[in-house]
Amino acid sequence: FGGSDDPGPQKTDLLGYLPRFFFGLSICFFCFAYSFSLGPISWVLPNEIFPHRARAKAVSVSAAVHFAVTIVGSGILKMALKDQYRKSLCLLSFSLLAALSSLVVYA
């Protein structure tokens, strides 16, 4: 505490915080955009395409498949991001799948 070699309060470097800020901002933007585009599709679309007499069973199966695919996809992403060389390939493949799914949704 307070010795002669104490540098005192450190000034923060703004450039050190910019990558973290933009990373957090991009995650917020992704969540915002996903909640208005592809997020509700898995809940709204099955209610519209199945007939009324089979809707409850079909929506429950659809939700179960949606959760299973989400779990498998996040597991694959976690395993792929551990390897330094597979990161770009994994993120590129998820980007291509997202582009393909947006074509299917909006076409």
C-alpha atoms as a PDB file:
ATOM      1  CA  PHE A   1       0.000   0.000   0.000  1.00  0.00           C
ATOM      2  CA  GLY A   2       1.485   3.309  -1.047  1.00  0.00           C
ATOM      3  CA  GLY A   3       5.158   2.397  -1.378  1.00  0.00           C
ATOM      4  CA  SER A   4       7.570   4.472  -3.430  1.00  0.00           C
ATOM      5  CA  ASP A   5       7.191   2.109  -6.400  1.00  0.00           C
ATOM      6  CA  ASP A   6       3.375   2.430  -6.450  1.00  0.00           C
ATOM      7  CA  PRO A   7       2.394   3.651  -9.931  1.00  0.00           C
ATOM      8  CA  GLY A   8      -0.894   5.144  -8.728  1.00  0.00           C
ATOM      9  CA  PRO A   9      -4.153   4.939 -10.622  1.00  0.00           C
ATOM     10  CA  GLN A  10      -3.810   3.560 -14.134  1.00  0.00           C
ATOM     11  CA  LYS A  11      -5.345   5.322 -17.099  1.00  0.00           C
ATOM     12  CA  THR A  12      -7.595   3.033 -19.111  1.00  0.00           C
ATOM     13  CA  ASP A  13      -6.870   2.592 -22.781  1.00  0.00           C
ATOM     14  CA  LEU A  14      -9.979   3.136 -24.889  1.00  0.00           C
ATOM     15  CA  LEU A  15      -8.631   1.067 -27.779  1.00  0.00           C
ATOM     16  CA  GLY A  16      -8.379  -1.964 -25.501  1.00  0.00           C
ATOM     17  CA  TYR A  17     -12.115  -1.861 -24.831  1.00  0.00           C
ATOM     18  CA  LEU A  18     -13.309  -1.318 -28.415  1.00  0.00           C
ATOM     19  CA  PRO A  19     -13.124  -4.984 -29.560  1.00  0.00           C
ATOM     20  CA  ARG A  20     -15.026  -6.108 -26.466  1.00  0.00           C
ATOM     21  CA  PHE A  21     -17.603  -3.386 -26.965  1.00  0.00           C
ATOM     22  CA  PHE A  22     -18.198  -4.279 -30.610  1.00  0.00           C
ATOM     23  CA  PHE A  23     -18.352  -7.989 -29.775  1.00  0.00           C
ATOM     24  CA  GLY A  24     -21.017  -7.340 -27.144  1.00  0.00           C
ATOM     25  CA  LEU A  25     -22.855  -4.988 -29.482  1.00  0.00           C
ATOM     26  CA  SER A  26     -22.846  -7.583 -32.256  1.00  0.00           C
ATOM     27  CA  ILE A  27     -24.272 -10.224 -29.916  1.00  0.00           C
ATOM     28  CA  CYS A  28     -27.038  -7.814 -28.895  1.00  0.00           C
ATOM     29  CA  PHE A  29     -27.756  -7.033 -32.551  1.00  0.00           C
ATOM     30  CA  PHE A  30     -27.891 -10.750 -33.401  1.00  0.00           C
ATOM     31  CA  CYS A  31     -30.355 -11.430 -30.570  1.00  0.00           C
ATOM     32  CA  PHE A  32     -32.505  -8.481 -31.632  1.00  0.00           C
ATOM     33  CA  ALA A  33     -32.518  -9.492 -35.301  1.00  0.00           C
ATOM     34  CA  TYR A  34     -33.107 -13.174 -34.518  1.00  0.00           C
ATOM     35  CA  SER A  35     -36.080 -12.392 -32.303  1.00  0.00           C
ATOM     36  CA  PHE A  36     -37.763 -10.552 -35.177  1.00  0.00           C
ATOM     37  CA  SER A  37     -36.856 -12.932 -37.996  1.00  0.00           C
ATOM     38  CA  LEU A  38     -36.163 -16.636 -37.544  1.00  0.00           C
ATOM     39  CA  GLY A  39     -36.812 -16.961 -33.811  1.00  0.00           C
ATOM     40  CA  PRO A  40     -40.620 -17.077 -33.843  1.00  0.00           C
ATOM     41  CA  ILE A  41     -40.799 -19.124 -37.053  1.00  0.00           C
ATOM     42  CA  SER A  42     -40.389 -22.435 -35.218  1.00  0.00           C
ATOM     43  CA  TRP A  43     -43.390 -21.595 -33.018  1.00  0.00           C
ATOM     44  CA  VAL A  44     -45.694 -19.808 -35.464  1.00  0.00           C
ATOM     45  CA  LEU A  45     -45.265 -21.878 -38.621  1.00  0.00           C
ATOM     46  CA  PRO A  46     -46.379 -25.267 -37.201  1.00  0.00           C
ATOM     47  CA  ASN A  47     -49.540 -23.661 -35.833  1.00  0.00           C
ATOM     48  CA  GLU A  48     -50.398 -22.413 -39.301  1.00  0.00           C
ATOM     49  CA  ILE A  49     -49.644 -25.467 -41.441  1.00  0.00           C
ATOM     50  CA  PHE A  50     -51.151 -28.320 -39.455  1.00  0.00           C
ATOM     51  CA  PRO A  51     -54.907 -28.965 -39.363  1.00  0.00           C
ATOM     52  CA  HIS A  52     -56.769 -28.184 -36.171  1.00  0.00           C
ATOM     53  CA  ARG A  53     -57.403 -31.819 -35.163  1.00  0.00           C
ATOM     54  CA  ALA A  54     -53.679 -32.720 -35.257  1.00  0.00           C
ATOM     55  CA  ARG A  55     -52.234 -29.376 -34.216  1.00  0.00           C
ATOM     56  CA  ALA A  56     -51.394 -30.154 -30.580  1.00  0.00           C
ATOM     57  CA  LYS A  57     -49.437 -33.319 -31.359  1.00  0.00           C
ATOM     58  CA  ALA A  58     -47.735 -31.820 -34.399  1.00  0.00           C
ATOM     59  CA  VAL A  59     -46.653 -28.673 -32.561  1.00  0.00           C
ATOM     60  CA  SER A  60     -45.275 -30.714 -29.653  1.00  0.00           C
ATOM     61  CA  VAL A  61     -43.255 -32.922 -32.027  1.00  0.00           C
ATOM     62  CA  SER A  62     -42.078 -29.834 -33.886  1.00  0.00           C
ATOM     63  CA  ALA A  63     -40.952 -28.178 -30.642  1.00  0.00           C
ATOM     64  CA  ALA A  64     -39.136 -31.350 -29.538  1.00  0.00           C
ATOM     65  CA  VAL A  65     -37.293 -31.556 -32.862  1.00  0.00           C
ATOM     66  CA  HIS A  66     -36.442 -27.852 -32.632  1.00  0.00           C
ATOM     67  CA  PHE A  67     -34.927 -28.299 -29.157  1.00  0.00           C
ATOM     68  CA  ALA A  68     -33.023 -31.433 -30.231  1.00  0.00           C
ATOM     69  CA  VAL A  69     -31.536 -29.691 -33.252  1.00  0.00           C
ATOM     70  CA  THR A  70     -30.581 -26.708 -31.088  1.00  0.00           C
ATOM     71  CA  ILE A  71     -28.796 -28.961 -28.588  1.00  0.00           C
ATOM     72  CA  VAL A  72     -26.941 -30.849 -31.332  1.00  0.00           C
ATOM     73  CA  GLY A  73     -26.017 -27.623 -33.129  1.00  0.00           C
ATOM     74  CA  SER A  74     -24.654 -25.994 -29.997  1.00  0.00           C
ATOM     75  CA  GLY A  75     -22.675 -29.148 -29.184  1.00  0.00           C
ATOM     76  CA  ILE A  76     -21.145 -29.183 -32.653  1.00  0.00           C
ATOM     77  CA  LEU A  77     -20.311 -25.497 -32.373  1.00  0.00           C
ATOM     78  CA  LYS A  78     -18.681 -25.987 -28.974  1.00  0.00           C
ATOM     79  CA  MET A  79     -16.536 -28.868 -30.236  1.00  0.00           C
ATOM     80  CA  ALA A  80     -15.580 -27.061 -33.431  1.00  0.00           C
ATOM     81  CA  LEU A  81     -14.593 -23.844 -31.686  1.00  0.00           C
ATOM     82  CA  LYS A  82     -12.115 -25.675 -29.458  1.00  0.00           C
ATOM     83  CA  ASP A  83      -9.929 -26.431 -32.475  1.00  0.00           C
ATOM     84  CA  GLN A  84      -8.209 -23.304 -33.800  1.00  0.00           C
ATOM     85  CA  TYR A  85      -8.210 -24.480 -37.424  1.00  0.00           C
ATOM     86  CA  ARG A  86     -11.880 -25.424 -37.555  1.00  0.00           C
ATOM     87  CA  LYS A  87     -13.237 -22.107 -36.294  1.00  0.00           C
ATOM     88  CA  SER A  88     -13.504 -20.401 -39.642  1.00  0.00           C
ATOM     89  CA  LEU A  89     -14.924 -23.479 -41.370  1.00  0.00           C
ATOM     90  CA  CYS A  90     -17.512 -23.977 -38.651  1.00  0.00           C
ATOM     91  CA  LEU A  91     -18.633 -20.358 -38.622  1.00  0.00           C
ATOM     92  CA  LEU A  92     -18.712 -20.298 -42.421  1.00  0.00           C
ATOM     93  CA  SER A  93     -20.914 -23.396 -42.518  1.00  0.00           C
ATOM     94  CA  PHE A  94     -23.318 -21.930 -39.936  1.00  0.00           C
ATOM     95  CA  SER A  95     -23.418 -18.694 -41.940  1.00  0.00           C
ATOM     96  CA  LEU A  96     -24.245 -20.570 -45.119  1.00  0.00           C
ATOM     97  CA  LEU A  97     -26.979 -22.516 -43.331  1.00  0.00           C
ATOM     98  CA  ALA A  98     -28.414 -19.274 -41.986  1.00  0.00           C
ATOM     99  CA  ALA A  99     -28.396 -17.751 -45.471  1.00  0.00           C
ATOM    100  CA  LEU A 100     -30.074 -20.848 -46.891  1.00  0.00           C
ATOM    101  CA  SER A 101     -32.724 -20.828 -44.185  1.00  0.00           C
ATOM    102  CA  SER A 102     -33.478 -17.170 -44.775  1.00  0.00           C
ATOM    103  CA  LEU A 103     -33.940 -17.940 -48.476  1.00  0.00           C
ATOM    104  CA  VAL A 104     -36.370 -20.711 -47.565  1.00  0.00           C
ATOM    105  CA  VAL A 105     -38.286 -18.492 -45.140  1.00  0.00           C
ATOM    106  CA  TYR A 106     -38.539 -15.433 -47.358  1.00  0.00           C
ATOM    107  CA  ALA A 107     -38.891 -17.135 -50.775  1.00  0.00           C
END
